[in-house]
């Protein structure tokens, strides 16, 4: 069981922060493209990426933004909305740190969160704002058993 899951079992509140880190590869992008059917050549063709002004092929934005679901899945977050701002490209072999912060939570377990994703140079590549529901007591009991 992960530290993130353990914290969710104890109960979540505004101010809770979770951090995950991942390095993205060309293989990740190929697999994501196959699943999502996003075959934009900016992810697969150096010449096309250069023509768009990039220094190389880039990862799918939603692949990288999906780091948020790594946290959400561990804490049992049920998303009702996600808004992304893609600020900088993520290149193959970039290491991304996602900091997910619960900013609001009410007595009915409705919540808001923010996520900031940065590359290995500390540059913000994605910002996200989320709404959803935190697990209640029954769900936390089940989380403890999974």
N, C-alpha and C. Protein backbone atom coordinates (compact mmCIF):
# COMPACT_ATOMS: atom_id res chain seq x y z
N UNK A 1 0.85 -1.18 0.00
CA UNK A 1 0.00 0.00 0.00
C UNK A 1 0.90 1.24 0.00
N UNK A 2 0.54 2.21 -0.80
CA UNK A 2 1.36 3.41 -0.92
C UNK A 2 1.06 4.39 0.20
N UNK A 3 2.00 5.30 0.42
CA UNK A 3 1.80 6.37 1.40
C UNK A 3 0.59 7.21 1.03
N UNK A 4 0.39 7.44 -0.25
CA UNK A 4 -0.76 8.23 -0.71
C UNK A 4 -2.05 7.53 -0.31
N UNK A 5 -2.15 6.22 -0.54
CA UNK A 5 -3.36 5.47 -0.18
C UNK A 5 -3.57 5.49 1.33
N UNK A 6 -2.50 5.34 2.09
CA UNK A 6 -2.62 5.35 3.55
C UNK A 6 -3.19 6.67 4.05
N UNK A 7 -2.76 7.77 3.46
CA UNK A 7 -3.28 9.07 3.85
C UNK A 7 -4.77 9.17 3.52
N UNK A 8 -5.18 8.64 2.38
CA UNK A 8 -6.60 8.67 2.00
C UNK A 8 -7.44 7.87 2.98
N UNK A 9 -6.93 6.75 3.44
CA UNK A 9 -7.66 5.91 4.39
C UNK A 9 -7.88 6.66 5.70
N UNK A 10 -6.89 7.43 6.12
CA UNK A 10 -7.02 8.22 7.36
C UNK A 10 -8.02 9.35 7.20
N UNK A 11 -8.21 9.82 5.98
CA UNK A 11 -9.12 10.94 5.72
C UNK A 11 -8.37 12.10 5.10
N UNK A 12 -9.01 12.76 4.15
CA UNK A 12 -8.37 13.85 3.40
C UNK A 12 -9.02 15.17 3.75
N UNK A 13 -8.22 16.24 3.60
CA UNK A 13 -8.71 17.58 3.92
C UNK A 13 -7.98 18.61 3.08
N UNK A 14 -8.54 19.82 3.07
CA UNK A 14 -7.87 20.92 2.38
C UNK A 14 -6.48 21.09 2.96
N UNK A 15 -5.53 21.30 2.07
CA UNK A 15 -4.13 21.46 2.48
C UNK A 15 -3.30 20.20 2.30
N UNK A 16 -3.94 19.06 2.10
CA UNK A 16 -3.18 17.83 1.85
C UNK A 16 -2.48 17.94 0.50
N UNK A 17 -1.23 17.51 0.46
CA UNK A 17 -0.40 17.62 -0.74
C UNK A 17 0.19 16.25 -1.06
N UNK A 18 0.17 15.91 -2.34
CA UNK A 18 0.73 14.64 -2.81
C UNK A 18 1.68 14.92 -3.97
N UNK A 19 2.79 14.20 -4.01
CA UNK A 19 3.78 14.41 -5.06
C UNK A 19 4.11 13.07 -5.72
N UNK A 20 4.10 13.06 -7.05
CA UNK A 20 4.54 11.90 -7.82
C UNK A 20 5.51 12.38 -8.90
N UNK A 21 6.43 11.51 -9.26
CA UNK A 21 7.48 11.85 -10.24
C UNK A 21 7.52 10.74 -11.29
N UNK A 22 7.69 11.15 -12.54
CA UNK A 22 7.75 10.17 -13.64
C UNK A 22 8.60 10.72 -14.77
N UNK A 23 9.37 9.85 -15.40
CA UNK A 23 10.11 10.18 -16.61
C UNK A 23 9.34 9.60 -17.79
N UNK A 24 9.08 10.45 -18.79
CA UNK A 24 8.31 10.04 -19.96
C UNK A 24 9.24 9.65 -21.10
N UNK A 25 8.89 8.56 -21.77
CA UNK A 25 9.72 8.04 -22.86
C UNK A 25 8.95 8.06 -24.18
N UNK A 26 9.69 7.82 -25.24
CA UNK A 26 9.05 7.70 -26.55
C UNK A 26 8.08 6.52 -26.55
N UNK A 27 8.44 5.44 -25.88
CA UNK A 27 7.54 4.28 -25.81
C UNK A 27 6.22 4.64 -25.13
N UNK A 28 6.27 5.49 -24.09
CA UNK A 28 5.04 5.94 -23.43
C UNK A 28 4.15 6.67 -24.44
N UNK A 29 4.76 7.53 -25.24
CA UNK A 29 4.00 8.31 -26.21
C UNK A 29 3.40 7.41 -27.29
N UNK A 30 4.15 6.45 -27.76
CA UNK A 30 3.63 5.52 -28.77
C UNK A 30 2.43 4.75 -28.20
N UNK A 31 2.57 4.23 -26.98
CA UNK A 31 1.47 3.48 -26.36
C UNK A 31 0.25 4.36 -26.15
N UNK A 32 0.46 5.59 -25.69
CA UNK A 32 -0.67 6.50 -25.47
C UNK A 32 -1.35 6.84 -26.79
N UNK A 33 -0.56 7.05 -27.82
CA UNK A 33 -1.13 7.34 -29.14
C UNK A 33 -1.99 6.21 -29.65
N UNK A 34 -1.55 4.98 -29.41
CA UNK A 34 -2.33 3.82 -29.85
C UNK A 34 -3.65 3.74 -29.09
N UNK A 35 -3.62 3.99 -27.79
CA UNK A 35 -4.84 3.92 -26.98
C UNK A 35 -5.78 5.07 -27.28
N UNK A 36 -5.22 6.29 -27.36
CA UNK A 36 -6.06 7.48 -27.55
C UNK A 36 -6.40 7.74 -29.02
N UNK A 37 -5.64 7.11 -29.91
CA UNK A 37 -5.75 7.32 -31.36
C UNK A 37 -5.35 8.74 -31.77
N UNK A 38 -4.57 9.38 -30.93
CA UNK A 38 -4.02 10.71 -31.26
C UNK A 38 -2.70 10.48 -31.99
N UNK A 39 -2.75 10.55 -33.29
CA UNK A 39 -1.56 10.32 -34.11
C UNK A 39 -1.01 11.61 -34.69
N UNK A 40 -1.19 12.70 -33.96
CA UNK A 40 -0.64 13.99 -34.41
C UNK A 40 0.85 13.80 -34.68
N UNK A 41 1.33 14.17 -35.85
CA UNK A 41 2.74 13.95 -36.18
C UNK A 41 3.71 14.72 -35.28
N UNK A 42 3.25 15.66 -34.51
CA UNK A 42 4.14 16.38 -33.59
C UNK A 42 4.74 15.43 -32.55
N UNK A 43 4.08 14.27 -32.35
CA UNK A 43 4.56 13.28 -31.39
C UNK A 43 5.44 12.22 -32.04
N UNK A 44 5.46 12.17 -33.39
CA UNK A 44 6.10 11.06 -34.09
C UNK A 44 7.11 11.46 -35.16
N UNK A 45 7.11 12.70 -35.59
CA UNK A 45 7.93 13.12 -36.72
C UNK A 45 8.75 14.35 -36.35
N UNK A 46 10.08 14.17 -36.34
CA UNK A 46 10.99 15.27 -35.97
C UNK A 46 10.78 16.49 -36.86
N UNK A 47 10.61 16.26 -38.15
CA UNK A 47 10.47 17.39 -39.08
C UNK A 47 9.20 18.19 -38.79
N UNK A 48 8.12 17.48 -38.51
CA UNK A 48 6.86 18.16 -38.21
C UNK A 48 6.99 18.97 -36.92
N UNK A 49 7.61 18.36 -35.90
CA UNK A 49 7.80 19.06 -34.63
C UNK A 49 8.66 20.31 -34.84
N UNK A 50 9.72 20.18 -35.63
CA UNK A 50 10.58 21.34 -35.91
C UNK A 50 9.82 22.42 -36.66
N UNK A 51 8.98 22.02 -37.60
CA UNK A 51 8.18 22.99 -38.36
C UNK A 51 7.22 23.75 -37.45
N UNK A 52 6.82 23.13 -36.34
CA UNK A 52 5.95 23.79 -35.37
C UNK A 52 6.74 24.62 -34.35
N UNK A 53 8.08 24.58 -34.46
CA UNK A 53 8.91 25.39 -33.57
C UNK A 53 9.45 24.67 -32.35
N UNK A 54 9.33 23.34 -32.31
CA UNK A 54 9.84 22.58 -31.17
C UNK A 54 11.21 22.02 -31.50
N UNK A 55 11.99 21.73 -30.47
CA UNK A 55 13.35 21.20 -30.67
C UNK A 55 13.36 19.69 -30.91
N UNK A 56 12.20 19.08 -30.85
CA UNK A 56 12.07 17.65 -31.09
C UNK A 56 10.64 17.22 -30.89
N UNK A 57 10.41 15.92 -31.06
CA UNK A 57 9.07 15.37 -30.84
C UNK A 57 8.68 15.59 -29.38
N UNK A 58 7.37 15.76 -29.15
CA UNK A 58 6.91 16.02 -27.79
C UNK A 58 5.89 14.96 -27.35
N UNK A 59 5.78 14.82 -26.04
CA UNK A 59 4.80 13.91 -25.46
C UNK A 59 3.40 14.49 -25.59
N UNK A 60 2.41 13.63 -25.61
CA UNK A 60 1.02 14.07 -25.59
C UNK A 60 0.76 14.81 -24.28
N UNK A 61 0.10 15.96 -24.37
CA UNK A 61 -0.21 16.73 -23.17
C UNK A 61 -1.06 15.96 -22.18
N UNK A 62 -2.05 15.22 -22.68
CA UNK A 62 -2.91 14.48 -21.77
C UNK A 62 -2.22 13.26 -21.16
N UNK A 63 -1.21 12.73 -21.84
CA UNK A 63 -0.41 11.67 -21.23
C UNK A 63 0.27 12.21 -19.98
N UNK A 64 0.91 13.36 -20.12
CA UNK A 64 1.61 13.97 -18.98
C UNK A 64 0.60 14.41 -17.93
N UNK A 65 -0.47 15.07 -18.37
CA UNK A 65 -1.51 15.50 -17.44
C UNK A 65 -2.13 14.34 -16.68
N UNK A 66 -2.05 13.15 -17.26
CA UNK A 66 -2.58 11.96 -16.62
C UNK A 66 -1.90 11.61 -15.31
N UNK A 67 -0.77 12.24 -15.02
CA UNK A 67 -0.13 12.02 -13.72
C UNK A 67 -1.10 12.37 -12.59
N UNK A 68 -2.01 13.29 -12.87
CA UNK A 68 -3.00 13.67 -11.87
C UNK A 68 -3.84 12.46 -11.48
N UNK A 69 -4.14 11.60 -12.44
CA UNK A 69 -4.95 10.43 -12.13
C UNK A 69 -4.18 9.40 -11.33
N UNK A 70 -2.85 9.46 -11.37
CA UNK A 70 -2.06 8.58 -10.50
C UNK A 70 -2.36 8.90 -9.05
N UNK A 71 -2.43 10.19 -8.73
CA UNK A 71 -2.80 10.60 -7.37
C UNK A 71 -4.27 10.31 -7.12
N UNK A 72 -5.13 10.77 -8.04
CA UNK A 72 -6.56 10.60 -7.86
C UNK A 72 -6.97 9.15 -7.65
N UNK A 73 -6.35 8.25 -8.39
CA UNK A 73 -6.66 6.84 -8.25
C UNK A 73 -6.26 6.29 -6.89
N UNK A 74 -5.15 6.77 -6.36
CA UNK A 74 -4.70 6.29 -5.06
C UNK A 74 -5.56 6.81 -3.91
N UNK A 75 -6.09 8.03 -4.06
CA UNK A 75 -6.87 8.59 -2.95
C UNK A 75 -8.37 8.34 -3.11
N UNK A 76 -8.79 7.74 -4.21
CA UNK A 76 -10.21 7.47 -4.41
C UNK A 76 -11.00 8.71 -4.81
N UNK A 77 -10.32 9.67 -5.44
CA UNK A 77 -10.95 10.91 -5.92
C UNK A 77 -11.88 10.58 -7.08
N UNK A 78 -13.11 11.06 -7.02
CA UNK A 78 -14.05 10.92 -8.14
C UNK A 78 -14.14 12.27 -8.82
N UNK A 79 -13.52 12.38 -9.99
CA UNK A 79 -13.44 13.66 -10.69
C UNK A 79 -14.78 14.05 -11.30
N UNK A 80 -15.10 15.33 -11.19
CA UNK A 80 -16.27 15.87 -11.90
C UNK A 80 -15.86 16.94 -12.90
N UNK A 81 -14.63 17.42 -12.79
CA UNK A 81 -14.14 18.41 -13.74
C UNK A 81 -12.63 18.54 -13.67
N UNK A 82 -12.02 18.78 -14.83
CA UNK A 82 -10.58 19.02 -14.92
C UNK A 82 -10.34 20.09 -15.98
N UNK A 83 -9.58 21.09 -15.62
CA UNK A 83 -9.18 22.13 -16.57
C UNK A 83 -7.66 22.17 -16.59
N UNK A 84 -7.10 22.10 -17.78
CA UNK A 84 -5.65 22.09 -17.95
C UNK A 84 -5.17 23.35 -18.65
N UNK A 85 -3.98 23.78 -18.29
CA UNK A 85 -3.27 24.80 -19.05
C UNK A 85 -1.90 24.21 -19.38
N UNK A 86 -1.66 24.01 -20.66
CA UNK A 86 -0.40 23.43 -21.12
C UNK A 86 0.55 24.57 -21.42
N UNK A 87 1.56 24.74 -20.58
CA UNK A 87 2.44 25.90 -20.67
C UNK A 87 3.70 25.66 -21.50
N UNK A 88 4.29 24.50 -21.35
CA UNK A 88 5.52 24.17 -22.08
C UNK A 88 5.46 22.72 -22.55
N UNK A 89 6.15 22.41 -23.63
CA UNK A 89 6.16 21.03 -24.10
C UNK A 89 6.97 20.13 -23.17
N UNK A 90 6.62 18.86 -23.20
CA UNK A 90 7.39 17.84 -22.49
C UNK A 90 8.02 16.96 -23.56
N UNK A 91 9.35 16.86 -23.50
CA UNK A 91 10.11 16.07 -24.47
C UNK A 91 10.39 14.69 -23.90
N UNK A 92 10.71 13.75 -24.80
CA UNK A 92 11.05 12.41 -24.36
C UNK A 92 12.22 12.47 -23.38
N UNK A 93 12.11 11.68 -22.33
CA UNK A 93 13.10 11.56 -21.26
C UNK A 93 13.09 12.74 -20.29
N UNK A 94 12.12 13.65 -20.40
CA UNK A 94 11.93 14.66 -19.36
C UNK A 94 11.36 13.97 -18.12
N UNK A 95 11.81 14.42 -16.97
CA UNK A 95 11.29 13.94 -15.69
C UNK A 95 10.36 14.99 -15.13
N UNK A 96 9.13 14.59 -14.89
CA UNK A 96 8.08 15.52 -14.47
C UNK A 96 7.69 15.23 -13.03
N UNK A 97 7.57 16.29 -12.25
CA UNK A 97 7.08 16.21 -10.88
C UNK A 97 5.69 16.83 -10.84
N UNK A 98 4.74 16.08 -10.34
CA UNK A 98 3.35 16.54 -10.19
C UNK A 98 3.08 16.76 -8.71
N UNK A 99 2.72 17.99 -8.36
CA UNK A 99 2.32 18.31 -6.99
C UNK A 99 0.82 18.58 -7.00
N UNK A 100 0.07 17.74 -6.34
CA UNK A 100 -1.39 17.75 -6.31
C UNK A 100 -1.80 18.23 -4.92
N UNK A 101 -2.54 19.34 -4.85
CA UNK A 101 -2.93 19.93 -3.57
C UNK A 101 -4.45 20.02 -3.48
N UNK A 102 -5.01 19.46 -2.43
CA UNK A 102 -6.44 19.65 -2.18
C UNK A 102 -6.61 21.05 -1.60
N UNK A 103 -7.37 21.89 -2.29
CA UNK A 103 -7.50 23.29 -1.88
C UNK A 103 -8.78 23.57 -1.10
N UNK A 104 -9.81 22.76 -1.32
CA UNK A 104 -11.08 22.93 -0.60
C UNK A 104 -11.71 21.56 -0.42
N UNK A 105 -12.40 21.39 0.71
CA UNK A 105 -13.18 20.18 0.96
C UNK A 105 -14.31 20.54 1.92
N UNK A 106 -15.51 20.04 1.62
CA UNK A 106 -16.63 20.36 2.50
C UNK A 106 -17.15 19.09 3.19
N UNK A 107 -18.16 19.26 4.03
CA UNK A 107 -18.69 18.15 4.83
C UNK A 107 -19.37 17.07 3.98
N UNK A 108 -19.69 17.38 2.73
CA UNK A 108 -20.29 16.39 1.82
C UNK A 108 -19.23 15.74 0.94
N UNK A 109 -17.98 15.96 1.26
CA UNK A 109 -16.82 15.39 0.55
C UNK A 109 -16.61 15.97 -0.84
N UNK A 110 -17.29 17.07 -1.16
CA UNK A 110 -16.99 17.76 -2.42
C UNK A 110 -15.68 18.50 -2.23
N UNK A 111 -14.87 18.50 -3.28
CA UNK A 111 -13.53 19.07 -3.12
C UNK A 111 -13.06 19.74 -4.39
N UNK A 112 -12.06 20.59 -4.20
CA UNK A 112 -11.33 21.20 -5.30
C UNK A 112 -9.85 20.94 -5.06
N UNK A 113 -9.11 20.87 -6.16
CA UNK A 113 -7.68 20.65 -6.07
C UNK A 113 -6.98 21.39 -7.19
N UNK A 114 -5.71 21.59 -7.00
CA UNK A 114 -4.84 22.17 -8.03
C UNK A 114 -3.65 21.23 -8.21
N UNK A 115 -3.14 21.18 -9.41
CA UNK A 115 -1.93 20.40 -9.68
C UNK A 115 -0.98 21.26 -10.50
N UNK A 116 0.28 21.21 -10.12
CA UNK A 116 1.33 21.90 -10.86
C UNK A 116 2.36 20.85 -11.24
N UNK A 117 2.63 20.77 -12.53
CA UNK A 117 3.60 19.81 -13.04
C UNK A 117 4.80 20.56 -13.57
N UNK A 118 5.98 20.18 -13.08
CA UNK A 118 7.21 20.86 -13.48
C UNK A 118 8.19 19.84 -14.06
N UNK A 119 9.07 20.34 -14.94
CA UNK A 119 10.10 19.47 -15.51
C UNK A 119 11.34 19.49 -14.61
N UNK A 120 12.36 18.78 -15.04
CA UNK A 120 13.58 18.64 -14.25
C UNK A 120 14.34 19.96 -14.10
N UNK A 121 13.98 20.97 -14.87
CA UNK A 121 14.59 22.30 -14.74
C UNK A 121 13.76 23.22 -13.85
N UNK A 122 12.67 22.69 -13.29
CA UNK A 122 11.80 23.48 -12.43
C UNK A 122 10.81 24.35 -13.17
N UNK A 123 10.70 24.17 -14.49
CA UNK A 123 9.77 24.95 -15.30
C UNK A 123 8.38 24.33 -15.24
N UNK A 124 7.36 25.16 -15.06
CA UNK A 124 5.98 24.67 -15.05
C UNK A 124 5.59 24.28 -16.47
N UNK A 125 5.19 23.02 -16.63
CA UNK A 125 4.77 22.54 -17.95
C UNK A 125 3.24 22.44 -18.06
N UNK A 126 2.58 22.13 -16.95
CA UNK A 126 1.12 22.03 -16.93
C UNK A 126 0.61 22.53 -15.59
N UNK A 127 -0.50 23.26 -15.65
CA UNK A 127 -1.26 23.61 -14.45
C UNK A 127 -2.65 23.01 -14.64
N UNK A 128 -3.25 22.55 -13.55
CA UNK A 128 -4.59 21.97 -13.64
C UNK A 128 -5.41 22.34 -12.42
N UNK A 129 -6.71 22.49 -12.67
CA UNK A 129 -7.67 22.78 -11.61
C UNK A 129 -8.75 21.71 -11.68
N UNK A 130 -9.06 21.13 -10.53
CA UNK A 130 -9.92 19.96 -10.49
C UNK A 130 -11.07 20.14 -9.52
N UNK A 131 -12.19 19.52 -9.84
CA UNK A 131 -13.29 19.40 -8.90
C UNK A 131 -13.64 17.92 -8.81
N UNK A 132 -14.17 17.52 -7.66
CA UNK A 132 -14.53 16.13 -7.49
C UNK A 132 -15.02 15.84 -6.09
N UNK A 133 -15.03 14.56 -5.78
CA UNK A 133 -15.48 14.11 -4.46
C UNK A 133 -14.41 13.25 -3.83
N UNK A 134 -14.19 13.50 -2.56
CA UNK A 134 -13.27 12.69 -1.76
C UNK A 134 -14.02 11.47 -1.24
N UNK A 135 -13.30 10.40 -0.91
CA UNK A 135 -13.99 9.23 -0.36
C UNK A 135 -14.53 9.52 1.05
N UNK A 136 -15.76 9.05 1.29
CA UNK A 136 -16.34 9.12 2.63
C UNK A 136 -15.87 7.94 3.46
N UNK A 137 -16.43 7.80 4.64
CA UNK A 137 -16.00 6.74 5.56
C UNK A 137 -16.15 5.35 4.95
N UNK A 138 -17.28 5.07 4.31
CA UNK A 138 -17.48 3.75 3.71
C UNK A 138 -16.42 3.47 2.65
N UNK A 139 -16.16 4.45 1.79
CA UNK A 139 -15.15 4.26 0.75
C UNK A 139 -13.76 4.11 1.35
N UNK A 140 -13.47 4.83 2.42
CA UNK A 140 -12.15 4.72 3.06
C UNK A 140 -11.96 3.33 3.65
N UNK A 141 -13.02 2.76 4.20
CA UNK A 141 -12.95 1.40 4.73
C UNK A 141 -12.62 0.41 3.61
N UNK A 142 -13.26 0.59 2.48
CA UNK A 142 -12.99 -0.28 1.33
C UNK A 142 -11.57 -0.08 0.82
N UNK A 143 -11.12 1.18 0.76
CA UNK A 143 -9.74 1.45 0.33
C UNK A 143 -8.75 0.69 1.21
N UNK A 144 -9.03 0.60 2.49
CA UNK A 144 -8.13 -0.09 3.42
C UNK A 144 -8.05 -1.58 3.13
N UNK A 145 -9.04 -2.11 2.44
CA UNK A 145 -9.10 -3.54 2.15
C UNK A 145 -8.56 -3.88 0.76
N UNK A 146 -8.24 -2.86 -0.05
CA UNK A 146 -7.79 -3.15 -1.41
C UNK A 146 -6.29 -3.10 -1.52
